[in-house]
Protein backbone atom coordinates (compact mmCIF):
# COMPACT_ATOMS: atom_id res chain seq x y z
CA MET A 1 208.67 -30.50 69.58
CA ILE A 2 210.99 -29.28 66.71
CA LYS A 3 213.70 -31.36 64.71
CA LEU A 4 217.33 -31.04 65.12
CA ASP A 5 217.93 -29.41 61.76
CA ASP A 6 215.58 -26.55 62.74
CA ILE A 7 217.50 -26.38 66.02
CA ARG A 8 220.82 -26.33 64.28
CA ARG A 9 219.32 -23.63 61.85
CA HIS A 10 218.49 -21.39 65.05
CA ALA A 11 222.01 -22.10 66.35
CA ALA A 12 223.60 -21.03 63.16
CA GLY A 13 221.83 -17.61 63.54
CA GLY A 14 222.85 -17.24 67.23
CA VAL A 15 224.67 -20.22 69.16
CA THR A 16 224.61 -18.10 72.54
CA ARG A 17 220.95 -17.15 72.62
CA ASP A 18 218.77 -18.64 75.22
CA ALA A 19 216.40 -21.37 73.57
CA LEU A 20 215.16 -23.18 77.00
CA VAL A 21 214.97 -21.42 80.45
CA ASP A 22 214.19 -23.90 83.41
CA GLY A 23 214.87 -22.59 86.92
CA GLN A 24 218.52 -21.98 86.95
CA VAL A 25 219.17 -23.93 83.97
CA ARG A 26 219.63 -21.84 80.93
CA LEU A 27 219.90 -23.87 77.71
CA THR A 28 221.38 -21.78 74.50
CA TRP A 29 220.50 -22.92 71.11
CA GLY A 30 224.02 -24.04 70.54
CA GLN A 31 223.67 -26.48 73.90
CA PHE A 32 220.23 -27.58 72.57
CA ALA A 33 221.38 -28.59 69.32
CA GLU A 34 224.32 -30.42 70.94
CA THR A 35 222.20 -32.37 73.57
CA VAL A 36 219.16 -33.17 71.31
CA GLU A 37 221.84 -34.77 68.76
CA ARG A 38 223.47 -37.00 71.47
CA THR A 39 220.06 -37.63 72.89
CA ALA A 40 218.77 -38.88 69.45
CA ALA A 41 221.85 -41.06 69.32
CA GLY A 42 221.34 -42.46 72.66
CA LEU A 43 217.75 -43.12 72.14
CA SER A 44 217.94 -44.68 68.66
CA GLY A 45 219.72 -47.80 70.21
CA HIS A 46 217.03 -48.74 72.40
CA LEU A 47 214.33 -48.44 69.59
CA PRO A 48 212.81 -51.52 67.63
CA ALA A 49 214.26 -52.76 64.74
CA GLY A 50 212.62 -52.08 61.26
CA ASP A 51 211.10 -48.85 59.62
CA GLY A 52 207.73 -48.95 61.04
CA PRO A 53 205.74 -46.55 63.62
CA VAL A 54 207.53 -46.31 67.01
CA ARG A 55 205.54 -44.48 69.75
CA ALA A 56 206.65 -42.88 72.86
CA VAL A 57 204.48 -40.86 75.65
CA PHE A 58 205.46 -38.87 78.90
CA LEU A 59 204.51 -38.70 82.47
CA ALA A 60 205.97 -35.18 83.26
CA GLY A 61 205.80 -31.47 83.60
CA ASN A 62 207.61 -28.90 81.61
CA SER A 63 211.32 -29.41 82.14
CA TRP A 64 214.54 -28.84 79.67
CA GLN A 65 214.86 -32.79 79.61
CA LEU A 66 211.61 -33.15 78.48
CA ALA A 67 211.90 -30.66 75.59
CA VAL A 68 215.39 -32.17 74.63
CA ALA A 69 213.66 -35.85 74.40
CA MET A 70 210.69 -34.65 72.82
CA SER A 71 213.05 -32.62 70.15
CA ALA A 72 214.91 -36.13 69.93
CA CYS A 73 211.75 -37.90 69.07
CA ALA A 74 210.74 -35.63 66.26
CA THR A 75 214.16 -36.04 64.96
CA LEU A 76 214.09 -39.93 64.96
CA GLY A 77 210.41 -39.65 63.38
CA VAL A 78 209.07 -41.38 66.85
CA SER A 79 205.39 -39.91 68.00
CA CYS A 80 205.49 -38.51 71.60
CA THR A 81 202.42 -38.34 73.38
CA GLY A 82 201.69 -36.31 76.71
CA LEU A 83 199.58 -38.19 79.57
CA ASP A 84 197.62 -36.76 82.14
CA PRO A 85 199.19 -38.39 85.49
CA ASP A 86 196.03 -37.61 87.41
CA SER A 87 193.58 -38.86 84.97
CA GLY A 88 193.47 -42.25 87.27
CA SER A 89 195.37 -45.56 86.91
CA ASP A 90 192.63 -47.28 84.84
CA ASP A 91 192.56 -44.46 82.29
CA LEU A 92 196.16 -44.42 82.09
CA GLY A 93 196.40 -48.05 81.69
CA GLN A 94 193.78 -48.15 78.71
CA VAL A 95 195.71 -45.26 76.90
CA LEU A 96 198.88 -47.35 77.36
CA THR A 97 197.06 -50.36 76.00
CA TRP A 98 196.19 -48.48 72.72
CA LEU A 99 199.19 -46.70 72.03
CA GLU A 100 201.71 -49.25 73.11
CA PRO A 101 204.50 -47.17 73.35
CA ALA A 102 208.29 -48.65 73.04
CA VAL A 103 209.42 -45.67 75.10
CA VAL A 104 208.07 -44.00 78.35
CA PHE A 105 209.64 -40.90 79.71
CA VAL A 106 208.80 -40.13 83.18
CA THR A 107 209.87 -37.82 86.36
CA SER A 108 210.41 -39.03 89.77
CA ASP A 109 207.23 -37.38 90.80
CA HIS A 110 205.14 -40.06 88.78
CA ARG A 111 207.43 -42.99 88.80
CA ALA A 112 205.24 -44.60 91.52
CA THR A 113 202.35 -44.07 89.36
CA LEU A 114 203.98 -45.53 86.26
CA ASP A 115 205.12 -48.46 88.15
CA GLN A 116 201.46 -49.45 89.00
CA LEU A 117 200.48 -49.38 85.54
CA VAL A 118 199.80 -52.58 83.35
CA TRP A 119 199.77 -52.90 79.62
CA PRO A 120 200.81 -55.33 77.10
CA SER A 121 203.89 -54.18 75.78
CA GLY A 122 204.99 -52.51 79.13
CA PRO A 123 207.93 -55.23 80.03
CA GLN A 124 209.46 -54.65 76.91
CA ALA A 125 209.12 -50.61 76.84
CA LEU A 126 212.29 -48.41 77.68
CA HIS A 127 211.62 -46.28 80.61
CA VAL A 128 213.66 -43.13 80.91
CA LEU A 129 213.90 -41.26 84.00
CA LEU A 130 213.88 -37.60 83.06
CA ASP A 131 215.32 -36.23 86.13
CA GLY A 132 217.64 -39.43 86.82
CA VAL A 133 221.51 -39.00 87.08
CA SER A 134 223.54 -42.05 87.17
CA ALA A 135 226.19 -42.74 89.93
CA PRO A 136 229.99 -42.66 88.43
CA GLY A 137 230.55 -46.19 86.97
CA ALA A 138 226.94 -47.08 87.29
CA GLN A 139 225.66 -49.91 84.91
CA ALA A 140 224.25 -48.10 81.63
CA ALA A 141 221.45 -50.56 80.40
CA PRO A 142 218.22 -50.40 82.45
CA THR A 143 216.51 -53.66 84.14
CA ALA A 144 212.86 -54.51 84.24
CA HIS A 145 212.51 -52.59 87.67
CA GLN A 146 215.17 -49.81 87.05
CA PRO A 147 214.82 -46.99 84.27
CA LEU A 148 217.36 -45.69 82.12
CA ASN A 149 218.44 -42.44 83.65
CA PHE A 150 218.43 -39.34 81.20
CA ASP A 151 221.92 -38.54 81.51
CA ARG A 152 222.91 -42.02 79.85
CA LEU A 153 221.19 -40.75 76.86
CA THR A 154 222.69 -37.35 76.67
CA SER A 155 226.18 -38.69 77.01
CA ALA A 156 225.90 -40.89 73.75
CA GLU A 157 228.03 -40.07 70.70
CA PRO A 158 226.30 -37.98 68.19
CA LEU A 159 224.86 -39.88 65.41
CA ARG A 160 226.82 -39.49 61.98
CA THR A 161 223.77 -39.80 60.00
CA LEU A 162 220.36 -39.69 61.10
CA PRO A 163 217.96 -42.65 60.51
CA ALA A 164 215.52 -42.68 57.52
CA PRO A 165 212.28 -41.15 58.80
CA ARG A 166 209.49 -43.46 60.19
CA PRO A 167 205.60 -43.26 59.10
CA TYR A 168 204.20 -39.92 60.19
CA GLU A 169 201.50 -40.12 63.06
CA SER A 170 200.46 -37.80 65.76
CA PHE A 171 198.30 -38.65 69.02
CA ALA A 172 196.38 -36.32 71.32
CA VAL A 173 194.85 -37.79 74.87
CA ALA A 174 190.97 -36.31 74.79
CA SER A 175 189.82 -36.51 78.08
CA ARG A 176 185.99 -36.87 78.95
CA SER A 177 184.09 -35.95 82.12
CA ASP A 178 181.71 -38.61 81.01
CA GLY A 179 183.72 -41.60 80.31
CA PRO A 180 187.29 -42.80 79.86
CA SER A 181 189.68 -40.96 77.54
CA ARG A 182 189.83 -41.26 74.01
CA ILE A 183 193.14 -40.80 71.65
CA ALA A 184 192.66 -38.35 68.60
CA VAL A 185 194.72 -39.48 65.58
CA ARG A 186 196.58 -37.37 62.99
CA ARG A 187 198.07 -39.09 60.10
CA THR A 188 199.29 -36.21 58.24
CA PRO A 189 201.76 -33.60 59.31
CA THR A 190 200.46 -30.30 60.01
CA GLU A 191 202.74 -28.65 62.30
CA GLY A 192 204.31 -26.41 59.73
CA ARG A 193 200.75 -24.94 58.53
CA HIS A 194 199.73 -24.59 62.07
CA LEU A 195 203.03 -22.61 62.84
CA VAL A 196 202.40 -20.31 60.04
CA ASP A 197 198.96 -19.81 61.28
CA LEU A 198 199.84 -19.14 64.91
CA VAL A 199 202.70 -16.54 63.62
CA ASP A 200 200.04 -14.80 61.48
CA GLU A 201 197.60 -14.56 64.32
CA PHE A 202 199.60 -13.46 66.98
CA GLY A 203 202.68 -11.95 65.46
CA LEU A 204 205.04 -14.09 66.95
CA ASN A 205 208.95 -13.92 66.09
CA ARG A 206 212.50 -15.01 67.45
CA ASP A 207 212.55 -11.84 69.62
CA ASP A 208 209.81 -13.14 71.82
CA VAL A 209 210.27 -14.61 75.23
CA HIS A 210 207.50 -17.36 75.53
CA LEU A 211 205.83 -18.39 79.18
CA ALA A 212 204.91 -21.85 79.23
CA SER A 213 202.97 -22.02 82.42
CA ALA A 214 200.65 -24.84 81.31
CA PRO A 215 201.24 -28.63 81.49
CA PRO A 216 202.95 -30.03 78.39
CA ALA A 217 199.81 -32.64 77.91
CA GLN A 218 197.91 -29.70 77.02
CA SER A 219 197.73 -29.62 73.42
CA THR A 220 197.31 -25.77 72.84
CA ALA A 221 200.19 -25.15 75.30
CA LEU A 222 202.52 -27.75 73.42
CA ALA A 223 201.38 -26.23 70.10
CA LEU A 224 202.43 -22.81 71.28
CA THR A 225 205.81 -24.24 72.85
CA ARG A 226 206.61 -25.65 69.65
CA THR A 227 205.67 -22.67 67.64
CA MET A 228 207.93 -20.31 69.80
CA LEU A 229 210.76 -22.76 69.28
CA GLY A 230 210.12 -22.96 65.65
CA VAL A 231 210.56 -19.22 65.13
CA GLY A 232 213.59 -19.25 67.20
CA ALA A 233 212.34 -17.54 70.33
CA THR A 234 213.29 -18.22 74.15
CA VAL A 235 210.77 -20.57 75.87
CA VAL A 236 210.64 -20.14 79.87
CA LEU A 237 209.37 -23.35 81.11
CA ALA A 238 207.20 -22.47 84.30
CA ASP A 239 204.83 -25.54 84.92
CA GLY A 240 203.73 -25.73 88.39
CA VAL A 241 205.71 -22.64 89.47
CA GLY A 242 204.01 -20.93 92.58
CA ALA A 243 202.31 -17.25 92.07
CA GLN A 244 204.92 -15.51 93.36
CA ALA A 245 207.53 -16.89 91.24
CA LEU A 246 205.60 -16.61 88.36
CA SER A 247 205.18 -12.88 88.98
CA ALA A 248 208.92 -12.51 89.38
CA LEU A 249 209.74 -14.31 86.12
CA LEU A 250 207.24 -12.18 84.17
CA VAL A 251 209.51 -9.35 85.24
CA ASP A 252 212.86 -10.71 85.46
CA GLU A 253 212.85 -12.77 81.99
CA ARG A 254 211.04 -9.81 80.23
CA VAL A 255 208.18 -12.10 79.16
CA THR A 256 206.38 -11.24 75.97
CA SER A 257 203.82 -14.08 75.41
CA GLY A 258 202.73 -17.29 77.45
CA VAL A 259 200.15 -19.82 78.05
CA ILE A 260 198.67 -20.16 81.34
CA THR A 261 196.32 -22.33 83.24
CA PRO A 262 192.81 -20.81 84.78
CA SER A 263 193.73 -21.99 88.01
CA THR A 264 197.43 -20.59 88.02
CA LEU A 265 196.02 -17.41 86.34
CA HIS A 266 193.60 -17.02 89.42
CA ALA A 267 196.48 -17.48 91.72
CA LEU A 268 198.47 -14.54 89.93
CA LEU A 269 195.76 -12.40 90.11
CA ALA A 270 195.31 -12.97 93.37
CA LEU A 271 198.40 -11.83 94.53
CA PRO A 272 198.34 -8.88 97.21
CA GLU A 273 198.65 -5.18 95.41
CA SER A 274 202.26 -5.02 96.70
CA ALA A 275 203.13 -7.88 94.36
CA ASP A 276 201.48 -6.34 91.36
CA PRO A 277 203.61 -7.06 88.60
CA SER A 278 201.78 -4.81 85.85
CA PRO A 279 204.18 -1.54 86.44
CA ARG A 280 206.99 -3.80 85.14
CA THR A 281 205.65 -6.00 82.72
CA ARG A 282 205.29 -3.72 79.74
CA HIS A 283 206.83 -6.63 77.57
CA LEU A 284 203.97 -8.70 78.26
CA ARG A 285 201.76 -8.40 75.12
CA PHE A 286 199.93 -12.14 74.71
CA LEU A 287 198.68 -14.45 77.46
CA LEU A 288 196.58 -17.18 76.23
CA THR A 289 194.15 -19.44 78.74
CA PRO A 290 191.52 -21.84 78.09
CA GLY A 291 188.19 -20.06 78.09
CA ALA A 292 185.54 -22.41 78.94
CA HIS A 293 185.13 -21.60 82.46
CA LEU A 294 186.75 -17.95 82.45
CA GLY A 295 184.82 -15.51 84.65
CA ARG A 296 184.21 -11.98 84.57
CA TRP A 297 186.58 -11.13 87.84
CA THR A 298 189.44 -12.81 85.93
CA VAL A 299 189.09 -11.04 82.68
CA ASN A 300 188.48 -7.56 84.48
CA THR A 301 191.40 -8.03 86.96
CA ALA A 302 193.68 -9.01 84.33
CA TRP A 303 192.92 -6.13 82.43
CA GLU A 304 193.62 -3.78 85.38
CA ARG A 305 196.81 -5.86 86.56
CA LEU A 306 198.43 -7.06 83.38
CA GLY A 307 196.86 -4.52 80.85
CA PRO A 308 195.12 -5.82 77.48
CA VAL A 309 197.29 -9.25 77.08
CA LEU A 310 194.59 -11.70 78.00
CA HIS A 311 193.33 -13.99 75.16
CA THR A 312 191.10 -16.74 75.79
CA ALA A 313 190.92 -20.19 73.85
CA LEU A 314 188.37 -22.76 72.51
CA GLY A 315 189.49 -26.02 71.63
CA SER A 316 189.93 -29.71 72.15
CA ALA A 317 192.54 -32.36 71.34
CA GLU A 318 190.17 -33.31 68.56
CA THR A 319 189.70 -29.74 67.01
CA GLY A 320 192.88 -28.14 68.16
CA LEU A 321 193.08 -24.21 68.75
CA SER A 322 189.57 -23.64 66.97
CA ALA A 323 188.64 -20.09 68.45
CA VAL A 324 190.36 -17.28 70.43
CA MET A 325 188.68 -13.92 71.78
CA GLY A 326 191.01 -10.93 72.26
CA PRO A 327 191.06 -8.47 75.40
CA GLU A 328 189.07 -5.73 74.06
CA GLU A 329 186.21 -8.01 73.09
CA LEU A 330 186.48 -10.07 76.44
CA LEU A 331 185.43 -7.14 78.24
CA VAL A 332 181.82 -7.20 76.67
CA SER A 333 181.62 -10.60 74.97
CA PRO A 334 179.79 -13.45 76.44
CA PRO A 335 181.97 -16.51 78.14
CA ARG A 336 182.74 -19.52 75.82
CA SER A 337 183.08 -17.65 72.80
CA GLY A 338 185.66 -16.58 70.40
CA HIS A 339 186.45 -16.23 66.65
CA ALA A 340 187.73 -18.82 64.78
CA THR A 341 191.30 -19.02 64.05
CA LEU A 342 192.97 -19.05 61.05
CA GLY A 343 192.62 -22.17 58.94
CA THR A 344 189.65 -23.47 60.80
CA ALA A 345 185.81 -23.28 59.51
CA VAL A 346 182.70 -23.57 61.65
CA ALA A 347 179.59 -24.86 60.63
CA VAL A 348 176.02 -25.00 62.97
CA LEU A 349 174.26 -28.08 61.93
CA GLY A 350 170.55 -28.82 62.68
CA GLU A 351 168.68 -32.00 63.50
CA ASP A 352 169.03 -33.13 59.78
CA GLY A 353 172.96 -32.77 59.73
CA LEU A 354 172.51 -29.78 57.28
CA ALA A 355 174.30 -26.39 57.88
CA LEU A 356 171.96 -23.83 59.45
CA GLU A 357 171.81 -20.15 58.39
CA GLN A 358 174.06 -17.54 60.50
CA GLY A 359 172.77 -16.68 64.07
CA ALA A 360 170.67 -20.20 64.48
CA THR A 361 171.45 -22.72 67.19
CA GLY A 362 172.37 -26.31 66.45
CA ARG A 363 175.45 -28.75 66.86
CA LEU A 364 178.99 -27.37 66.41
CA ALA A 365 181.44 -28.92 63.47
CA PHE A 366 184.73 -27.81 62.69
CA ALA A 367 186.82 -28.33 59.64
CA GLY A 368 190.61 -27.50 58.84
CA HIS A 369 194.07 -28.73 58.81
CA GLN A 370 193.99 -29.06 63.03
CA VAL A 371 191.17 -31.28 63.08
CA MET A 372 191.87 -35.00 63.83
CA ASP A 373 191.21 -38.02 61.28
CA GLY A 374 189.51 -39.99 63.86
CA TYR A 375 190.18 -41.82 67.03
CA LEU A 376 192.54 -44.63 67.65
CA ASP A 377 189.90 -47.11 68.75
CA GLY A 378 187.61 -46.64 65.69
CA GLU A 379 185.62 -43.65 63.52
CA THR A 380 184.26 -40.48 64.56
CA ASN A 381 181.36 -38.26 63.67
CA THR A 382 182.18 -36.34 60.30
CA ALA A 383 180.37 -34.81 57.75
CA THR A 384 181.08 -33.34 54.36
CA LEU A 385 179.60 -29.80 53.75
CA ASP A 386 179.99 -27.07 51.48
CA ILE A 387 179.35 -23.73 53.40
CA GLY A 388 180.57 -21.44 50.79
CA ALA A 389 183.44 -19.04 51.22
CA GLY A 390 185.02 -20.69 48.15
CA ALA A 391 186.34 -23.28 50.00
CA GLY A 392 184.22 -26.08 48.07
CA ALA A 393 183.19 -29.37 49.83
CA GLN A 394 185.19 -30.20 53.16
CA ARG A 395 185.29 -32.67 55.88
CA PHE A 396 183.94 -31.47 59.08
CA LEU A 397 184.22 -33.01 62.68
CA VAL A 398 180.65 -33.07 64.30
CA THR A 399 181.14 -32.24 68.11
CA ASP A 400 178.71 -32.82 70.96
CA GLU A 401 178.67 -28.89 71.72
CA ALA A 402 176.00 -26.57 70.66
CA GLY A 403 176.21 -23.20 69.68
CA TYR A 404 175.73 -20.29 67.07
CA VAL A 405 177.66 -18.03 65.09
CA ASP A 406 176.62 -14.37 65.35
CA GLU A 407 176.56 -11.32 63.00
CA THR A 408 180.27 -10.47 63.66
CA GLY A 409 181.35 -13.99 62.88
CA ARG A 410 181.75 -14.84 66.83
CA LEU A 411 181.40 -18.27 67.78
CA VAL A 412 179.17 -18.73 70.96
CA VAL A 413 179.14 -22.05 72.82
CA THR A 414 175.68 -22.47 74.27
CA GLY A 415 175.38 -26.14 75.88
CA ARG A 416 176.09 -29.43 75.20
CA VAL A 417 174.14 -32.00 72.68
CA THR A 418 173.11 -35.44 74.34
CA GLU A 419 171.99 -38.76 72.62
CA VAL A 420 170.70 -39.69 76.00
CA PRO A 421 166.50 -39.96 75.70
CA VAL A 422 164.66 -37.23 77.52
CA VAL A 423 163.00 -39.75 79.53
CA VAL A 424 166.17 -40.52 81.13
CA ARG A 425 167.71 -37.19 81.48
CA ASP A 426 165.88 -33.79 81.19
CA SER A 427 167.82 -32.10 78.57
CA ALA A 428 166.05 -28.72 78.73
CA VAL A 429 167.35 -28.86 82.48
CA ASP A 430 170.77 -29.68 81.44
CA THR A 431 170.63 -26.64 79.09
CA GLU A 432 169.63 -24.45 81.89
CA LEU A 433 172.57 -25.76 84.03
CA PHE A 434 174.95 -24.77 81.20
CA ARG A 435 173.20 -21.14 81.04
CA LEU A 436 173.42 -20.68 84.76
CA GLU A 437 177.18 -21.44 84.83
CA SER A 438 177.48 -18.90 82.33
CA ASP A 439 175.61 -16.37 84.40
CA LEU A 440 177.70 -17.22 87.07
CA LEU A 441 181.00 -16.86 85.56
CA ASN A 442 179.74 -12.87 84.66
CA LEU A 443 179.48 -12.24 88.55
CA PRO A 444 182.07 -9.85 89.53
CA CYS A 445 181.92 -11.10 93.17
CA LEU A 446 183.47 -14.43 92.18
CA ARG A 447 186.88 -15.71 91.19
CA ASP A 448 185.68 -19.18 89.83
CA THR A 449 182.71 -21.49 90.09
CA ALA A 450 181.24 -24.93 88.83
CA VAL A 451 178.01 -25.92 88.40
CA MET A 452 177.47 -29.87 88.76
CA ARG A 453 174.29 -31.84 88.87
CA VAL A 454 174.23 -34.74 91.23
CA SER A 455 171.74 -37.69 92.21
CA SER A 456 172.32 -39.42 95.53
CA ALA A 457 170.56 -40.93 98.36
CA VAL A 458 171.65 -38.21 100.60
CA LEU A 459 170.84 -35.13 98.16
CA GLY A 460 168.36 -36.68 95.79
CA ASP A 461 168.19 -34.89 92.36
CA ALA A 462 170.24 -31.65 93.22
CA ILE A 463 172.86 -29.31 91.83
CA VAL A 464 176.15 -28.60 93.45
CA VAL A 465 178.14 -25.29 93.02
CA PRO A 466 181.21 -24.98 94.34
CA PHE A 467 182.76 -21.49 94.34
CA ILE A 468 185.89 -19.27 95.11
CA ALA A 469 184.84 -15.87 96.37
CA VAL A 470 186.58 -12.75 95.17
CA ALA A 471 188.43 -12.21 98.29
CA VAL A 472 188.76 -13.76 101.77
CA GLY A 473 185.76 -12.55 103.95
CA ARG A 474 183.39 -12.18 100.78
CA GLU A 475 181.89 -15.71 101.02
CA ALA A 476 178.73 -14.54 102.26
CA THR A 477 178.10 -12.18 99.55
CA GLY A 478 179.26 -15.02 96.96
CA TYR A 479 176.87 -17.39 98.79
CA GLN A 480 173.73 -14.83 98.39
CA ALA A 481 174.49 -13.99 94.77
CA LEU A 482 174.71 -17.49 93.54
CA SER A 483 171.77 -18.98 95.38
CA ALA A 484 169.70 -16.32 94.27
CA ALA A 485 170.87 -17.15 90.53
CA CYS A 486 170.27 -20.84 90.98
CA ALA A 487 166.80 -20.32 92.39
CA ARG A 488 166.31 -17.90 89.36
CA ARG A 489 167.48 -20.19 86.59
CA VAL A 490 166.86 -23.60 87.73
CA PRO A 491 163.93 -23.60 90.39
CA SER A 492 163.13 -27.33 89.86
CA LEU A 493 166.23 -28.37 91.45
CA PRO A 494 167.81 -27.82 95.03
CA ALA A 495 171.13 -26.18 95.12
CA HIS A 496 174.07 -26.69 97.51
CA VAL A 497 176.44 -23.76 97.28
CA ILE A 498 179.63 -24.06 98.92
CA ALA A 499 183.00 -21.89 99.15
CA VAL A 500 186.05 -23.57 98.24
CA ASP A 501 189.60 -22.94 98.16
CA THR A 502 190.60 -24.20 94.53
CA ILE A 503 188.81 -25.80 91.78
CA PRO A 504 190.63 -28.45 89.94
CA TYR A 505 191.29 -28.41 86.28
CA SER A 506 192.59 -31.00 83.71
CA PRO A 507 195.34 -30.02 81.14
CA THR A 508 192.83 -29.22 78.92
CA GLY A 509 191.07 -26.69 80.89
CA ARG A 510 188.10 -28.74 81.85
CA ILE A 511 187.01 -28.83 85.45
CA ARG A 512 187.70 -32.23 87.26
CA THR A 513 184.18 -32.55 88.50
CA GLY A 514 184.96 -36.09 90.02
CA ASP A 515 187.78 -34.79 92.02
CA LEU A 516 185.71 -31.50 92.97
CA LEU A 517 182.60 -33.63 93.74
CA ASP A 518 184.99 -36.00 95.91
CA ALA A 519 185.88 -32.87 97.96
CA VAL A 520 182.56 -31.12 98.60
CA LEU A 521 179.96 -33.68 98.95
CA PRO A 522 181.26 -34.99 102.35
CA ILE A 523 180.97 -31.37 103.78
CA ILE A 524 177.52 -30.58 102.06
CA THR A 525 176.40 -34.12 103.56
CA LEU A 526 177.71 -33.19 107.11
CA ASN A 527 176.05 -29.88 107.11
CA LEU A 528 172.89 -31.14 106.04
CA GLN A 529 173.11 -33.58 109.05
CA LEU A 530 174.10 -30.83 111.28
CA GLU A 531 170.97 -28.88 110.18
CA GLN A 532 168.83 -31.86 110.58
CA SER A 533 170.01 -32.29 114.20
CA MET A 534 169.53 -28.66 115.10
CA GLN A 535 165.94 -28.70 113.60
CA GLN A 536 165.12 -31.78 115.73
CA GLU A 537 166.53 -30.08 119.07
CA MET A 538 164.48 -26.92 118.39
CA SER A 539 161.46 -29.06 117.93
CA ALA A 540 161.91 -31.20 120.76
């Protein structure tokens, strides 16, 4: 988040202007500055002595308290990393063991999860309950089993002088579907350059009202929130708000820009026509959502109901926001595509590790100030390349994604690159599965879908395709369209198509395949058993 000096600067330009809106709470820039100043003072008394790096983490959704806490951390030179509370206790425990935070910010909703986690420095870490309020006369100091309530930090006397800055470090948790999370590290401050790039890219300014409708653990969402506060705009915190309330916020707060998750966007666009906000949302001009799983129905419906405002983003914790596609091109462009953001260079590498010509498909690599330095638990795959454009030799992060750059400069992701031998896993089939999902996302009869390959005693080697129909009662149409597409694209594998109510996403916009399989596999198994019973009865 932004530092106290920047908050004071914006307060000097308009002390009564709104900085943060969180439900019924409206924090002006003047109040924001005062609260951050007191929180930084209260927090400084609990930090380890010395001038070495200090780390903090948070298990929380968007709130004005979290924004204040993160700004206090930025002021004190403390890195503050967002954790995904739904990633599982084993994964969270490993991340905490790697980071060894001195401070953990948590809300009541996630306090039980935190209490179950064990890491070496856990007993010494300060736990701050963001939505905690102390009773009059209550003890200020936290105990081993009682976190410090946030209001105790905000009631501290302001610091007369700020402490000396600590060594810079920044972390982002990179969630993976095929293994435990890893921690991307950046040891050089790039927030200022990133802010300038985002402002130039999207024309953001202090008159904007920004809707933060994505978890703060999502790196792109957090970057946009930081950018909007950095330019002095108003940020409306709406993570976890229902579709009806979100529709009202768009109108009542005169929102001009925003970040939204795919699932929340689907729910917003699925509102009845009577709740359509489009006639009154003329202020909205920019809405960003992760584009890895965005479908044709979503793109078309967003244009019809919200106007030409939807932008899709490609990126990761390792690369930052790497590519964006605007609303006009979204109508005709393939899924999982976009133009590289300012400051980002894209290279397509062949099997020999050298850059390929434009239009050729290979492994994708990214360079730029947003790219991480490495993983906290070790080095990562990098290459030094000179791809022209006058930039000279640059350090590229080589990813596990495949794709190409077309003649217009548009990046298209076509699949994933695996190092698993072909005898263990048929990479050709995996490539077809990726293309199948892209085909399905282009079907206008679906709101959302996922393609997952499974291998079990009951199903054998098969694919499972959950989907959300475009409307209630239209499941039969979706089932027929998906079944035909599966048979055409991957005839070698049986497909189990099933209608679902929701498809879960992680904060980074990736589908939670484990949670989704846990929900649908019992239903598919039961359906197969019923079919077998009926066939046996008919043949008896």
